[in-house]
C-alpha atoms as a PDB file:
ATOM      1  CA  ARG A   1      56.336 -74.868 -82.669  1.00  0.00           C
ATOM      2  CA  VAL A   2      58.251 -77.658 -80.972  1.00  0.00           C
ATOM      3  CA  PRO A   3      58.001 -81.037 -82.725  1.00  0.00           C
ATOM      4  CA  PHE A   4      58.906 -84.237 -80.923  1.00  0.00           C
ATOM      5  CA  CYS A   5      59.052 -87.879 -81.920  1.00  0.00           C
ATOM      6  CA  HIS A   6      60.698 -91.128 -80.980  1.00  0.00           C
ATOM      7  CA  HIS A   7      63.249 -91.483 -83.807  1.00  0.00           C
ATOM      8  CA  PRO A   8      65.760 -88.632 -84.159  1.00  0.00           C
ATOM      9  CA  PRO A   9      66.585 -87.170 -87.552  1.00  0.00           C
ATOM     10  CA  PHE A  10      70.162 -86.617 -86.308  1.00  0.00           C
ATOM     11  CA  CYS A  11      71.873 -89.087 -83.985  1.00  0.00           C
ATOM     12  CA  ALA A  12      75.578 -89.888 -83.594  1.00  0.00           C
ATOM     13  CA  GLY A  13      74.953 -93.343 -82.099  1.00  0.00           C
ATOM     14  CA  PRO A  14      76.486 -95.556 -80.920  1.00  0.00           C
ATOM     15  CA  GLN A  15      73.545 -97.944 -81.430  1.00  0.00           C
ATOM     16  CA  HIS A  16      71.267 -95.817 -83.612  1.00  0.00           C
ATOM     17  CA  HIS A  17      72.224 -93.182 -86.158  1.00  0.00           C
ATOM     18  CA  ASN A  18      70.528 -90.575 -88.360  1.00  0.00           C
ATOM     19  CA  THR A  19      67.000 -91.674 -89.275  1.00  0.00           C
ATOM     20  CA  GLU A  20      66.941 -91.089 -93.021  1.00  0.00           C
ATOM     21  CA  SER A  21      63.141 -91.140 -93.372  1.00  0.00           C
ATOM     22  CA  MET A  22      62.900 -88.244 -90.882  1.00  0.00           C
ATOM     23  CA  HIS A  23      64.767 -85.973 -93.310  1.00  0.00           C
ATOM     24  CA  ARG A  24      61.563 -85.525 -95.324  1.00  0.00           C
ATOM     25  CA  LEU A  25      60.121 -83.542 -92.408  1.00  0.00           C
ATOM     26  CA  ILE A  26      63.005 -81.108 -91.991  1.00  0.00           C
ATOM     27  CA  PRO A  27      61.930 -78.728 -94.798  1.00  0.00           C
ATOM     28  CA  PHE A  28      58.466 -78.466 -93.191  1.00  0.00           C
ATOM     29  CA  TRP A  29      60.028 -77.627 -89.821  1.00  0.00           C
ATOM     30  CA  GLN A  30      62.315 -75.026 -91.390  1.00  0.00           C
ATOM     31  CA  ARG A  31      59.418 -73.331 -93.217  1.00  0.00           C
ATOM     32  CA  ALA A  32      57.395 -73.341 -89.980  1.00  0.00           C
ATOM     33  CA  GLY A  33      60.187 -71.578 -88.086  1.00  0.00           C
ATOM     34  CA  VAL A  34      60.982 -74.495 -85.770  1.00  0.00           C
ATOM     35  CA  LYS A  35      64.032 -73.772 -83.606  1.00  0.00           C
ATOM     36  CA  ALA A  36      64.080 -76.914 -81.393  1.00  0.00           C
ATOM     37  CA  MET A  37      63.082 -80.538 -81.945  1.00  0.00           C
ATOM     38  CA  PHE A  38      63.073 -83.330 -79.338  1.00  0.00           C
ATOM     39  CA  SER A  39      63.379 -87.105 -79.711  1.00  0.00           C
ATOM     40  CA  GLY A  40      64.564 -90.231 -77.929  1.00  0.00           C
ATOM     41  CA  HIS A  41      65.493 -93.697 -79.229  1.00  0.00           C
ATOM     42  CA  GLU A  42      69.225 -93.618 -78.400  1.00  0.00           C
ATOM     43  CA  HIS A  43      70.014 -94.155 -74.721  1.00  0.00           C
ATOM     44  CA  ASN A  44      72.145 -91.075 -74.101  1.00  0.00           C
ATOM     45  CA  PHE A  45      71.927 -87.287 -74.454  1.00  0.00           C
ATOM     46  CA  GLN A  46      72.820 -85.495 -77.682  1.00  0.00           C
ATOM     47  CA  HIS A  47      72.476 -81.904 -78.853  1.00  0.00           C
ATOM     48  CA  SER A  48      72.892 -81.232 -82.570  1.00  0.00           C
ATOM     49  CA  LEU A  49      72.542 -77.985 -84.460  1.00  0.00           C
ATOM     50  CA  THR A  50      72.046 -77.759 -88.206  1.00  0.00           C
ATOM     51  CA  GLY A  51      69.954 -75.680 -90.580  1.00  0.00           C
ATOM     52  CA  GLY A  52      68.977 -73.310 -87.761  1.00  0.00           C
ATOM     53  CA  ILE A  53      67.283 -76.065 -85.725  1.00  0.00           C
ATOM     54  CA  ASN A  54      68.527 -77.475 -82.405  1.00  0.00           C
ATOM     55  CA  TYR A  55      67.951 -81.234 -82.190  1.00  0.00           C
ATOM     56  CA  PHE A  56      67.860 -82.897 -78.776  1.00  0.00           C
ATOM     57  CA  VAL A  57      68.063 -86.638 -78.147  1.00  0.00           C
ATOM     58  CA  SER A  58      67.040 -87.502 -74.607  1.00  0.00           C
ATOM     59  CA  GLY A  59      66.944 -91.234 -74.097  1.00  0.00           C
ATOM     60  CA  ALA A  60      68.849 -91.817 -70.872  1.00  0.00           C
ATOM     61  CA  GLY A  61      66.149 -91.566 -68.248  1.00  0.00           C
ATOM     62  CA  ALA A  62      66.763 -95.132 -67.090  1.00  0.00           C
ATOM     63  CA  LYS A  63      68.664 -97.394 -69.484  1.00  0.00           C
ATOM     64  CA  LEU A  64      72.080 -96.026 -70.464  1.00  0.00           C
ATOM     65  CA  ARG A  65      74.296 -96.725 -73.438  1.00  0.00           C
ATOM     66  CA  LEU A  66      77.831 -96.100 -72.192  1.00  0.00           C
ATOM     67  CA  ALA A  67      79.673 -96.548 -75.501  1.00  0.00           C
ATOM     68  CA  THR A  68      80.866 -93.390 -77.234  1.00  0.00           C
ATOM     69  CA  PRO A  69      78.880 -92.253 -80.283  1.00  0.00           C
ATOM     70  CA  ASP A  70      80.755 -92.678 -83.537  1.00  0.00           C
ATOM     71  CA  GLU A  71      79.110 -90.429 -86.158  1.00  0.00           C
ATOM     72  CA  PHE A  72      79.424 -86.933 -84.674  1.00  0.00           C
ATOM     73  CA  GLN A  73      80.032 -85.153 -87.975  1.00  0.00           C
ATOM     74  CA  GLN A  74      77.099 -86.783 -89.797  1.00  0.00           C
ATOM     75  CA  ALA A  75      74.790 -85.923 -86.885  1.00  0.00           C
ATOM     76  CA  HIS A  76      76.040 -82.329 -86.486  1.00  0.00           C
ATOM     77  CA  THR A  77      76.626 -83.086 -82.793  1.00  0.00           C
ATOM     78  CA  HIS A  78      77.477 -80.127 -80.581  1.00  0.00           C
ATOM     79  CA  SER A  79      77.491 -81.971 -77.241  1.00  0.00           C
ATOM     80  CA  TRP A  80      76.591 -85.348 -75.763  1.00  0.00           C
ATOM     81  CA  SER A  81      76.620 -87.322 -72.508  1.00  0.00           C
ATOM     82  CA  ASP A  82      76.144 -90.892 -71.367  1.00  0.00           C
ATOM     83  CA  GLN A  83      74.753 -89.792 -67.977  1.00  0.00           C
ATOM     84  CA  CYS A  84      71.267 -90.554 -66.691  1.00  0.00           C
ATOM     85  CA  HIS A  85      69.178 -87.395 -67.071  1.00  0.00           C
ATOM     86  CA  PHE A  86      65.929 -85.642 -67.858  1.00  0.00           C
ATOM     87  CA  LEU A  87      65.455 -82.397 -69.758  1.00  0.00           C
ATOM     88  CA  LEU A  88      64.248 -79.227 -68.095  1.00  0.00           C
ATOM     89  CA  VAL A  89      62.953 -76.732 -70.655  1.00  0.00           C
ATOM     90  CA  GLN A  90      62.203 -73.179 -69.589  1.00  0.00           C
ATOM     91  CA  ILE A  91      60.630 -70.642 -71.908  1.00  0.00           C
ATOM     92  CA  ALA A  92      60.663 -66.926 -71.157  1.00  0.00           C
ATOM     93  CA  ARG A  93      59.508 -64.490 -73.832  1.00  0.00           C
ATOM     94  CA  ASP A  94      61.512 -65.282 -77.004  1.00  0.00           C
ATOM     95  CA  GLN A  95      64.070 -67.552 -75.345  1.00  0.00           C
ATOM     96  CA  MET A  96      64.105 -71.281 -74.572  1.00  0.00           C
ATOM     97  CA  THR A  97      66.719 -72.706 -72.217  1.00  0.00           C
ATOM     98  CA  VAL A  98      67.285 -76.468 -72.212  1.00  0.00           C
ATOM     99  CA  ARG A  99      69.091 -78.169 -69.337  1.00  0.00           C
ATOM    100  CA  ALA A 100      70.038 -81.843 -69.138  1.00  0.00           C
ATOM    101  CA  ILE A 101      69.577 -82.506 -65.429  1.00  0.00           C
ATOM    102  CA  GLY A 102      71.228 -85.334 -63.502  1.00  0.00           C
ATOM    103  CA  GLU A 103      71.105 -86.015 -59.790  1.00  0.00           C
ATOM    104  CA  LEU A 104      70.508 -83.544 -56.983  1.00  0.00           C
ATOM    105  CA  ASP A 105      73.656 -82.236 -55.322  1.00  0.00           C
ATOM    106  CA  ALA A 106      74.220 -82.406 -51.540  1.00  0.00           C
ATOM    107  CA  ASN A 107      72.126 -79.238 -51.076  1.00  0.00           C
ATOM    108  CA  GLY A 108      69.183 -80.614 -53.051  1.00  0.00           C
ATOM    109  CA  THR A 109      69.917 -78.431 -56.074  1.00  0.00           C
ATOM    110  CA  LEU A 110      69.340 -79.653 -59.620  1.00  0.00           C
ATOM    111  CA  THR A 111      72.670 -80.094 -61.401  1.00  0.00           C
ATOM    112  CA  ASP A 112      73.444 -80.310 -65.097  1.00  0.00           C
ATOM    113  CA  ILE A 113      75.090 -83.481 -66.365  1.00  0.00           C
ATOM    114  CA  PRO A 114      78.605 -83.125 -67.773  1.00  0.00           C
ATOM    115  CA  ARG A 115      78.532 -82.788 -71.573  1.00  0.00           C
ATOM    116  CA  ARG A 116      81.369 -83.320 -74.034  1.00  0.00           C
ATOM    117  CA  ASP A 117      82.013 -82.450 -77.657  1.00  0.00           C
ATOM    118  CA  ALA A 118      83.153 -84.883 -80.360  1.00  0.00           C
ATOM    119  CA  ARG A 119      86.784 -84.576 -79.189  1.00  0.00           C
ATOM    120  CA  GLY A 120      85.825 -85.364 -75.592  1.00  0.00           C
ATOM    121  CA  GLN A 121      86.301 -81.787 -74.387  1.00  0.00           C
ATOM    122  CA  PRO A 122      83.847 -80.390 -71.806  1.00  0.00           C
ATOM    123  CA  VAL A 123      80.970 -78.265 -73.074  1.00  0.00           C
ATOM    124  CA  THR A 124      79.664 -75.934 -70.385  1.00  0.00           C
ATOM    125  CA  GLU A 125      77.813 -73.193 -72.238  1.00  0.00           C
ATOM    126  CA  PRO A 126      74.068 -73.151 -71.686  1.00  0.00           C
ATOM    127  CA  MET A 127      71.775 -74.481 -74.402  1.00  0.00           C
ATOM    128  CA  VAL A 128      69.770 -71.378 -75.259  1.00  0.00           C
ATOM    129  CA  ILE A 129      67.515 -71.060 -78.297  1.00  0.00           C
ATOM    130  CA  ARG A 130      66.155 -67.702 -79.380  1.00  0.00           C
ATOM    131  CA  ARG A 131      63.026 -67.456 -81.504  1.00  0.00           C
ATOM    132  CA  THR A 132      64.389 -64.711 -83.732  1.00  0.00           C
END
């Protein structure tokens, strides 16, 4: 089960923040065994993890918001980026891998956008979600 919607339950900003009305759905997702949820609304990339669910904000396919988010702790943000991107999701058996892809490199290879944590430090580990 992979829910998606426009407004994110968890979002560090800078323009939009946690959508309080979405919190009513979280217990349903937890009971259903949801491990990943996707949304947009904010014009950047964000990956949050709380309550056993990975939350992805992917809203930087065209318009970008270059300001730094300002509510990392409230949004449980693990990594974020202000780079233009799309998400590539691959599922194999009990594992989902999510990549935030930017531009092609000189060899025509898909490259991941640089992600940072709340302190501005690089985050390079892959975003892997296991069903169990």
